[in-house]
Amino acid sequence: MSRPAPATDVDGPPDRKSVLFCPRCDHASPVDGDWVVHTHATSLEYRCPDCDARITERKRDRRPDGPTNPALRLWSGLLQTATVWVRSAKRPCA
């Protein structure tokens, strides 16, 4: 027995799993489509291009290459220096 082919609606939304839908105006588009994306420090906020409704907010996948806060950058450098110094101090003398 074979299964019938699924009916496709020509006027319906795209046949993809990664489609977002606006709950306010029913706008539909792929995730990488025409959504207005606001970049925040730790997330991406997707808004509808038609009615400006907030669709979703997703965590950013990538991390910055290093700390952007100057105090945090200084502290990170001091910590790395101290770690190297402690490791070198633990080596036996020849």
Protein backbone atom coordinates (compact mmCIF):
# COMPACT_ATOMS: atom_id res chain seq x y z
CA MET A 1 0.00 0.00 0.00
CA SER A 2 1.28 3.43 -0.82
CA ARG A 3 0.50 6.67 0.94
CA PRO A 4 -1.18 9.50 -0.91
CA ALA A 5 1.02 12.46 -1.72
CA PRO A 6 0.52 15.36 0.70
CA ALA A 7 -1.51 18.21 -0.69
CA THR A 8 0.44 21.42 -1.11
CA ASP A 9 -1.21 24.79 -0.81
CA VAL A 10 0.30 27.07 -3.46
CA ASP A 11 -0.79 30.20 -1.58
CA GLY A 12 0.23 28.82 1.83
CA PRO A 13 3.44 29.41 3.77
CA PRO A 14 6.77 28.07 2.47
CA ASP A 15 7.31 24.35 3.08
CA ARG A 16 10.26 24.69 5.50
CA LYS A 17 10.72 23.92 9.18
CA SER A 18 12.50 27.19 9.89
CA VAL A 19 9.57 29.48 9.12
CA LEU A 20 8.50 32.14 11.62
CA PHE A 21 4.94 33.43 11.79
CA CYS A 22 3.78 36.77 13.16
CA PRO A 23 0.90 36.22 15.61
CA ARG A 24 -0.44 39.74 15.03
CA CYS A 25 -0.63 40.03 11.23
CA ASP A 26 0.07 36.43 10.01
CA HIS A 27 3.22 37.44 8.12
CA ALA A 28 5.34 34.33 7.38
CA SER A 29 8.96 34.16 6.33
CA PRO A 30 12.01 31.91 6.83
CA VAL A 31 14.25 32.68 9.80
CA ASP A 32 16.77 34.24 7.44
CA GLY A 33 14.01 36.06 5.53
CA ASP A 34 12.79 39.63 5.79
CA TRP A 35 12.46 39.89 9.60
CA VAL A 36 13.88 42.96 11.31
CA VAL A 37 16.67 41.67 13.56
CA HIS A 38 17.92 43.71 16.53
CA THR A 39 21.29 42.55 17.86
CA HIS A 40 21.75 42.68 21.63
CA ALA A 41 24.77 41.68 23.72
CA THR A 42 23.61 38.08 24.24
CA SER A 43 20.62 37.67 21.95
CA LEU A 44 18.97 38.42 18.62
CA GLU A 45 15.46 39.87 18.64
CA TYR A 46 13.23 39.21 15.62
CA ARG A 47 10.45 41.69 14.78
CA CYS A 48 7.81 41.66 12.06
CA PRO A 49 8.60 43.96 9.10
CA ASP A 50 4.89 44.71 8.61
CA CYS A 51 3.53 45.45 12.10
CA ASP A 52 6.73 45.59 14.27
CA ALA A 53 5.46 42.84 16.60
CA ARG A 54 8.15 41.03 18.60
CA ILE A 55 8.33 37.50 17.20
CA THR A 56 11.09 35.86 19.23
CA GLU A 57 14.38 36.48 20.99
CA ARG A 58 17.11 33.91 20.56
CA LYS A 59 20.48 33.56 22.22
CA ARG A 60 23.42 34.43 20.02
CA ASP A 61 25.38 31.40 18.84
CA ARG A 62 28.77 32.99 18.76
CA ARG A 63 30.78 34.49 21.55
CA PRO A 64 32.94 37.56 21.19
CA ASP A 65 36.63 36.86 20.64
CA GLY A 66 37.47 38.31 24.03
CA PRO A 67 36.10 40.48 26.81
CA THR A 68 34.87 43.83 25.56
CA ASN A 69 34.70 45.54 28.96
CA PRO A 70 38.10 47.23 29.62
CA ALA A 71 38.09 46.26 33.31
CA LEU A 72 37.26 42.66 32.44
CA ARG A 73 39.97 42.64 29.76
CA LEU A 74 42.51 43.93 32.33
CA TRP A 75 41.43 41.37 34.94
CA SER A 76 41.64 38.56 32.36
CA GLY A 77 45.18 39.62 31.40
CA LEU A 78 46.28 39.79 35.05
CA LEU A 79 44.80 36.37 35.74
CA GLN A 80 46.62 34.85 32.75
CA THR A 81 49.91 36.46 33.86
CA ALA A 82 49.49 35.17 37.42
CA THR A 83 48.74 31.67 36.14
CA VAL A 84 51.91 31.61 34.03
CA TRP A 85 53.95 32.97 36.94
CA VAL A 86 52.62 30.32 39.37
CA ARG A 87 53.28 27.52 36.89
CA SER A 88 56.84 28.72 36.30
CA ALA A 89 57.47 29.03 40.05
CA LYS A 90 56.44 25.39 40.59
CA ARG A 91 59.08 24.06 38.18
CA PRO A 92 62.04 22.43 39.88
CA CYS A 93 65.35 24.28 39.56
CA ALA A 94 68.00 22.56 37.42
